[in-house]
Amino acid sequence: MAVTSTLSNHFKYQLYKGNIDFDTDDFKIILMNTTFAFDKDADATLADVTSDQLATNYGYTQDSKSLAGVSITEDDVNDKAYVTWNDVTWTASGGTIGASGAAIIYDDTTSDDTVVGCIDFGEDLSAPAGIDFQVKDLQIDLT
């Protein structure tokens, strides 16, 4: 299945108001349980999604993974702009991380912990003990 990403409408509002700064803000990523279904209107802040976040266990710690290596690129040919970050990894220890069907990126610097959006993996993923759970090629389309 295909991996898809969807921006929250609240993120777009915060971005347009000038409350999001990709150069200085601390963006974090969290893993969601398999029953989570992202709603771009209702899932505006971390508080709106936290009940569906994986529990701290077996190498996954809630709200602890900051994203690094932010880059904003422009695609003039397709009239798009993208934000990318470095890959993120959690190493499973003593048990399995997951299953998870999605990840949420949020801005930990805004006063309400604005949800940027959701990356839907297209399938449920897990990592048994000793194996890495990785989210690679992190990219969101800003258009």
C-alpha atoms as a PDB file:
ATOM      1  CA  MET A   1       0.000   0.000   0.000  1.00  0.00           C
ATOM      2  CA  ALA A   2       1.069   3.588  -0.553  1.00  0.00           C
ATOM      3  CA  VAL A   3       2.292   5.904   2.166  1.00  0.00           C
ATOM      4  CA  THR A   4       0.308   9.151   2.216  1.00  0.00           C
ATOM      5  CA  SER A   5       0.588  12.388   4.159  1.00  0.00           C
ATOM      6  CA  THR A   6      -2.152  14.844   5.051  1.00  0.00           C
ATOM      7  CA  LEU A   7      -1.725  18.293   6.585  1.00  0.00           C
ATOM      8  CA  SER A   8      -3.992  19.497   9.362  1.00  0.00           C
ATOM      9  CA  ASN A   9      -6.056  22.568   8.593  1.00  0.00           C
ATOM     10  CA  HIS A  10      -4.972  24.109  11.905  1.00  0.00           C
ATOM     11  CA  PHE A  11      -1.334  23.815  10.782  1.00  0.00           C
ATOM     12  CA  LYS A  12      -2.151  25.714   7.594  1.00  0.00           C
ATOM     13  CA  TYR A  13      -3.825  28.427   9.661  1.00  0.00           C
ATOM     14  CA  GLN A  14      -0.863  28.637  12.065  1.00  0.00           C
ATOM     15  CA  LEU A  15       1.565  28.741   9.128  1.00  0.00           C
ATOM     16  CA  TYR A  16      -0.335  31.538   7.385  1.00  0.00           C
ATOM     17  CA  LYS A  17      -0.529  33.515  10.646  1.00  0.00           C
ATOM     18  CA  GLY A  18       3.268  33.305  10.964  1.00  0.00           C
ATOM     19  CA  ASN A  19       3.209  31.129  14.099  1.00  0.00           C
ATOM     20  CA  ILE A  20       5.267  28.307  12.534  1.00  0.00           C
ATOM     21  CA  ASP A  21       8.996  28.760  11.906  1.00  0.00           C
ATOM     22  CA  PHE A  22      10.705  25.773  10.312  1.00  0.00           C
ATOM     23  CA  ASP A  23      14.153  27.225  11.060  1.00  0.00           C
ATOM     24  CA  THR A  24      13.703  27.549  14.834  1.00  0.00           C
ATOM     25  CA  ASP A  25      10.705  25.472  15.997  1.00  0.00           C
ATOM     26  CA  ASP A  26      11.060  22.004  17.534  1.00  0.00           C
ATOM     27  CA  PHE A  27       9.102  19.488  15.460  1.00  0.00           C
ATOM     28  CA  LYS A  28       8.424  16.048  16.923  1.00  0.00           C
ATOM     29  CA  ILE A  29       7.093  12.779  15.581  1.00  0.00           C
ATOM     30  CA  ILE A  30       4.921  10.245  17.394  1.00  0.00           C
ATOM     31  CA  LEU A  31       3.621   6.808  16.447  1.00  0.00           C
ATOM     32  CA  MET A  32      -0.094   6.092  16.482  1.00  0.00           C
ATOM     33  CA  ASN A  33      -2.011   2.901  17.242  1.00  0.00           C
ATOM     34  CA  THR A  34      -3.650   0.889  14.493  1.00  0.00           C
ATOM     35  CA  THR A  35      -7.176   2.206  15.160  1.00  0.00           C
ATOM     36  CA  PHE A  36      -6.195   5.857  14.675  1.00  0.00           C
ATOM     37  CA  ALA A  37      -7.881   7.628  11.762  1.00  0.00           C
ATOM     38  CA  PHE A  38      -6.601  11.137  11.077  1.00  0.00           C
ATOM     39  CA  ASP A  39      -9.151  13.941  10.727  1.00  0.00           C
ATOM     40  CA  LYS A  40      -7.516  17.044   9.203  1.00  0.00           C
ATOM     41  CA  ASP A  41     -10.172  19.266  10.807  1.00  0.00           C
ATOM     42  CA  ALA A  42     -10.507  17.768  14.289  1.00  0.00           C
ATOM     43  CA  ASP A  43      -6.910  16.637  14.912  1.00  0.00           C
ATOM     44  CA  ALA A  44      -5.459  20.125  15.300  1.00  0.00           C
ATOM     45  CA  THR A  45      -3.244  19.796  18.384  1.00  0.00           C
ATOM     46  CA  LEU A  46      -1.273  17.159  20.251  1.00  0.00           C
ATOM     47  CA  ALA A  47      -4.046  17.011  22.859  1.00  0.00           C
ATOM     48  CA  ASP A  48      -6.450  15.928  20.102  1.00  0.00           C
ATOM     49  CA  VAL A  49      -4.386  12.864  19.148  1.00  0.00           C
ATOM     50  CA  THR A  50      -2.453  11.854  22.259  1.00  0.00           C
ATOM     51  CA  SER A  51      -4.978   9.208  23.367  1.00  0.00           C
ATOM     52  CA  ASP A  52      -4.157   7.219  20.209  1.00  0.00           C
ATOM     53  CA  GLN A  53      -0.375   7.446  20.583  1.00  0.00           C
ATOM     54  CA  LEU A  54       1.528   4.232  21.262  1.00  0.00           C
ATOM     55  CA  ALA A  55       2.344   3.737  24.929  1.00  0.00           C
ATOM     56  CA  THR A  56       5.885   4.252  26.183  1.00  0.00           C
ATOM     57  CA  ASN A  57       7.301   0.750  25.984  1.00  0.00           C
ATOM     58  CA  TYR A  58      10.040  -1.423  24.447  1.00  0.00           C
ATOM     59  CA  GLY A  59      12.175   1.415  23.068  1.00  0.00           C
ATOM     60  CA  TYR A  60       9.396   3.826  22.159  1.00  0.00           C
ATOM     61  CA  THR A  61       8.984   6.852  24.440  1.00  0.00           C
ATOM     62  CA  GLN A  62       6.022   9.161  23.970  1.00  0.00           C
ATOM     63  CA  ASP A  63       6.723  12.732  22.828  1.00  0.00           C
ATOM     64  CA  SER A  64      10.511  12.342  22.851  1.00  0.00           C
ATOM     65  CA  LYS A  65      11.609  12.145  19.200  1.00  0.00           C
ATOM     66  CA  SER A  66      12.559  15.555  17.804  1.00  0.00           C
ATOM     67  CA  LEU A  67      13.042  15.857  14.071  1.00  0.00           C
ATOM     68  CA  ALA A  68      16.369  17.136  12.754  1.00  0.00           C
ATOM     69  CA  GLY A  69      17.777  18.287   9.444  1.00  0.00           C
ATOM     70  CA  VAL A  70      14.839  20.388   8.260  1.00  0.00           C
ATOM     71  CA  SER A  71      15.003  21.425   4.622  1.00  0.00           C
ATOM     72  CA  ILE A  72      12.515  23.335   2.503  1.00  0.00           C
ATOM     73  CA  THR A  73      12.683  22.764  -1.231  1.00  0.00           C
ATOM     74  CA  GLU A  74      10.817  24.171  -4.176  1.00  0.00           C
ATOM     75  CA  ASP A  75       9.708  22.208  -7.213  1.00  0.00           C
ATOM     76  CA  ASP A  76       9.113  24.802  -9.936  1.00  0.00           C
ATOM     77  CA  VAL A  77       8.186  22.178 -12.502  1.00  0.00           C
ATOM     78  CA  ASN A  78       5.250  20.854 -10.454  1.00  0.00           C
ATOM     79  CA  ASP A  79       4.506  24.116  -8.577  1.00  0.00           C
ATOM     80  CA  LYS A  80       5.110  22.542  -5.165  1.00  0.00           C
ATOM     81  CA  ALA A  81       7.088  23.144  -1.998  1.00  0.00           C
ATOM     82  CA  TYR A  82       8.265  20.424   0.376  1.00  0.00           C
ATOM     83  CA  VAL A  83       9.576  20.194   3.914  1.00  0.00           C
ATOM     84  CA  THR A  84      11.856  17.259   4.662  1.00  0.00           C
ATOM     85  CA  TRP A  85      13.572  15.981   7.785  1.00  0.00           C
ATOM     86  CA  ASN A  86      16.157  13.304   8.518  1.00  0.00           C
ATOM     87  CA  ASP A  87      14.998   9.722   9.010  1.00  0.00           C
ATOM     88  CA  VAL A  88      13.956   8.747  12.547  1.00  0.00           C
ATOM     89  CA  THR A  89      14.592   5.464  14.326  1.00  0.00           C
ATOM     90  CA  TRP A  90      13.355   3.733  17.460  1.00  0.00           C
ATOM     91  CA  THR A  91      15.162   0.505  18.383  1.00  0.00           C
ATOM     92  CA  ALA A  92      12.896  -2.117  19.923  1.00  0.00           C
ATOM     93  CA  SER A  93      14.241  -3.537  23.178  1.00  0.00           C
ATOM     94  CA  GLY A  94      12.662  -6.217  25.344  1.00  0.00           C
ATOM     95  CA  GLY A  95       9.530  -6.444  23.212  1.00  0.00           C
ATOM     96  CA  THR A  96       7.833  -5.203  20.085  1.00  0.00           C
ATOM     97  CA  ILE A  97       7.255  -1.567  19.107  1.00  0.00           C
ATOM     98  CA  GLY A  98       3.840  -1.297  17.480  1.00  0.00           C
ATOM     99  CA  ALA A  99       1.867  -2.135  15.649  1.00  0.00           C
ATOM    100  CA  SER A 100       1.457   1.360  14.282  1.00  0.00           C
ATOM    101  CA  GLY A 101      -0.434   2.477  11.204  1.00  0.00           C
ATOM    102  CA  ALA A 102       0.587   6.126  11.179  1.00  0.00           C
ATOM    103  CA  ALA A 103       2.807   8.856  12.565  1.00  0.00           C
ATOM    104  CA  ILE A 104       1.930  12.399  13.570  1.00  0.00           C
ATOM    105  CA  ILE A 105       4.311  15.334  13.202  1.00  0.00           C
ATOM    106  CA  TYR A 106       3.637  18.240  15.530  1.00  0.00           C
ATOM    107  CA  ASP A 107       5.240  21.576  16.378  1.00  0.00           C
ATOM    108  CA  ASP A 108       6.294  21.398  20.025  1.00  0.00           C
ATOM    109  CA  THR A 109       7.122  25.124  20.034  1.00  0.00           C
ATOM    110  CA  THR A 110       3.640  26.516  19.378  1.00  0.00           C
ATOM    111  CA  SER A 111       1.529  27.195  22.461  1.00  0.00           C
ATOM    112  CA  ASP A 112      -0.973  24.470  21.488  1.00  0.00           C
ATOM    113  CA  ASP A 113       1.474  21.881  20.051  1.00  0.00           C
ATOM    114  CA  THR A 114       0.059  22.264  16.552  1.00  0.00           C
ATOM    115  CA  VAL A 115      -0.309  19.038  14.577  1.00  0.00           C
ATOM    116  CA  VAL A 116       1.450  19.524  11.247  1.00  0.00           C
ATOM    117  CA  GLY A 117      -0.042  16.410   9.747  1.00  0.00           C
ATOM    118  CA  CYS A 118      -0.262  12.671   9.549  1.00  0.00           C
ATOM    119  CA  ILE A 119       1.827  10.142   7.670  1.00  0.00           C
ATOM    120  CA  ASP A 120      -0.336   7.096   7.000  1.00  0.00           C
ATOM    121  CA  PHE A 121       1.896   4.067   6.442  1.00  0.00           C
ATOM    122  CA  GLY A 122      -0.769   2.311   4.365  1.00  0.00           C
ATOM    123  CA  GLU A 123      -0.333  -0.775   6.536  1.00  0.00           C
ATOM    124  CA  ASP A 124       0.292  -1.685  10.161  1.00  0.00           C
ATOM    125  CA  LEU A 125       3.986  -1.906  11.017  1.00  0.00           C
ATOM    126  CA  SER A 126       5.897  -3.189  14.031  1.00  0.00           C
ATOM    127  CA  ALA A 127       9.476  -3.923  15.058  1.00  0.00           C
ATOM    128  CA  PRO A 128      10.340  -6.899  17.292  1.00  0.00           C
ATOM    129  CA  ALA A 129      13.096  -6.707  19.920  1.00  0.00           C
ATOM    130  CA  GLY A 130      16.473  -5.853  18.438  1.00  0.00           C
ATOM    131  CA  ILE A 131      15.007  -4.431  15.229  1.00  0.00           C
ATOM    132  CA  ASP A 132      14.675  -0.751  14.280  1.00  0.00           C
ATOM    133  CA  PHE A 133      11.327   0.901  13.651  1.00  0.00           C
ATOM    134  CA  GLN A 134      12.228   3.548  11.075  1.00  0.00           C
ATOM    135  CA  VAL A 135      10.357   6.333   9.354  1.00  0.00           C
ATOM    136  CA  LYS A 136      12.398   7.206   6.283  1.00  0.00           C
ATOM    137  CA  ASP A 137      12.271   9.924   3.677  1.00  0.00           C
ATOM    138  CA  LEU A 138      10.159  12.228   5.854  1.00  0.00           C
ATOM    139  CA  GLN A 139       8.580  14.748   3.530  1.00  0.00           C
ATOM    140  CA  ILE A 140       5.417  16.804   3.549  1.00  0.00           C
ATOM    141  CA  ASP A 141       3.957  18.653   0.597  1.00  0.00           C
ATOM    142  CA  LEU A 142       3.149  22.238   1.631  1.00  0.00           C
ATOM    143  CA  THR A 143       0.952  22.941  -1.382  1.00  0.00           C
END
